[in-house]
Structure formats: C-alpha cells, structure tokens
C-alpha cells in the first residue's frame, strides 16, 4: 500500500510499516534505471516491510 493521504484515511489503524513511502518507490526505480550494466536486473518487486509474505 502506498503511503498517501487517502490510503492513511482508509486504513487508519495500520502501522507505519504497512505503507510504502513514495520516495522509497522513486529511489528504487532510479536504481533500476541507473544500474550497473554488468549486473543487470529488470525484475523488481517492492513490498512494505510489514507485509507477511
């Protein structure tokens, strides 16, 4: 779940680690776009820390 105003309102009782911060998503996308060509990855899965999986 992305940490936005409306998602916080919809799930007000969830802990902070239930939500992914938009900045963290942007940082990971930047990393994928600028990754070293010698260790290429195109499959990235982003999940909040608190998710059970």
Protein backbone atom coordinates (compact mmCIF):
# COMPACT_ATOMS: atom_id res chain seq x y z
CA UNK A 1 0.00 0.00 0.00
CA UNK A 2 1.46 3.36 -0.99
CA UNK A 3 1.61 5.91 1.82
CA UNK A 4 -0.80 8.57 0.59
CA UNK A 5 -3.31 10.75 2.41
CA UNK A 6 -6.30 8.77 1.16
CA UNK A 7 -4.75 5.37 1.95
CA UNK A 8 -3.96 6.51 5.50
CA UNK A 9 -7.59 7.57 5.88
CA UNK A 10 -8.85 4.26 4.54
CA UNK A 11 -6.62 2.19 6.85
CA UNK A 12 -6.12 4.46 9.89
CA UNK A 13 -5.28 1.63 12.30
CA UNK A 14 -2.45 0.14 10.24
CA UNK A 15 1.14 0.62 11.46
CA UNK A 16 3.64 2.71 9.51
CA UNK A 17 5.40 -0.35 8.10
CA UNK A 18 2.15 -1.35 6.33
CA UNK A 19 2.72 1.51 3.86
CA UNK A 20 5.40 2.03 1.21
CA UNK A 21 6.73 5.56 1.11
CA UNK A 22 6.51 7.18 -2.36
CA UNK A 23 10.13 8.35 -2.02
CA UNK A 24 11.27 4.75 -1.44
CA UNK A 25 9.49 3.69 -4.64
CA UNK A 26 11.13 6.52 -6.57
CA UNK A 27 14.57 5.63 -5.17
CA UNK A 28 14.21 2.01 -6.27
CA UNK A 29 13.07 2.99 -9.76
CA UNK A 30 16.06 5.33 -10.03
CA UNK A 31 18.32 2.46 -9.00
CA UNK A 32 16.88 0.14 -11.67
CA UNK A 33 17.19 2.78 -14.41
CA UNK A 34 20.80 3.60 -13.44
CA UNK A 35 22.04 0.13 -12.52
CA UNK A 36 25.47 -1.16 -13.47
CA UNK A 37 25.27 -2.92 -16.82
CA UNK A 38 27.48 -5.76 -15.53
CA UNK A 39 24.77 -6.79 -13.02
CA UNK A 40 21.52 -6.13 -14.86
CA UNK A 41 18.12 -6.71 -13.30
CA UNK A 42 14.68 -5.98 -14.72
CA UNK A 43 12.51 -7.77 -12.18
CA UNK A 44 11.98 -5.78 -9.01
CA UNK A 45 9.21 -6.41 -6.50
CA UNK A 46 8.50 -3.71 -3.94
CA UNK A 47 6.62 -4.54 -0.76
CA UNK A 48 6.21 -2.78 2.56
CA UNK A 49 8.42 -4.11 5.36
CA UNK A 50 5.44 -5.12 7.50
CA UNK A 51 3.78 -7.32 4.88
CA UNK A 52 3.69 -11.05 5.68
CA UNK A 53 4.83 -12.96 2.58
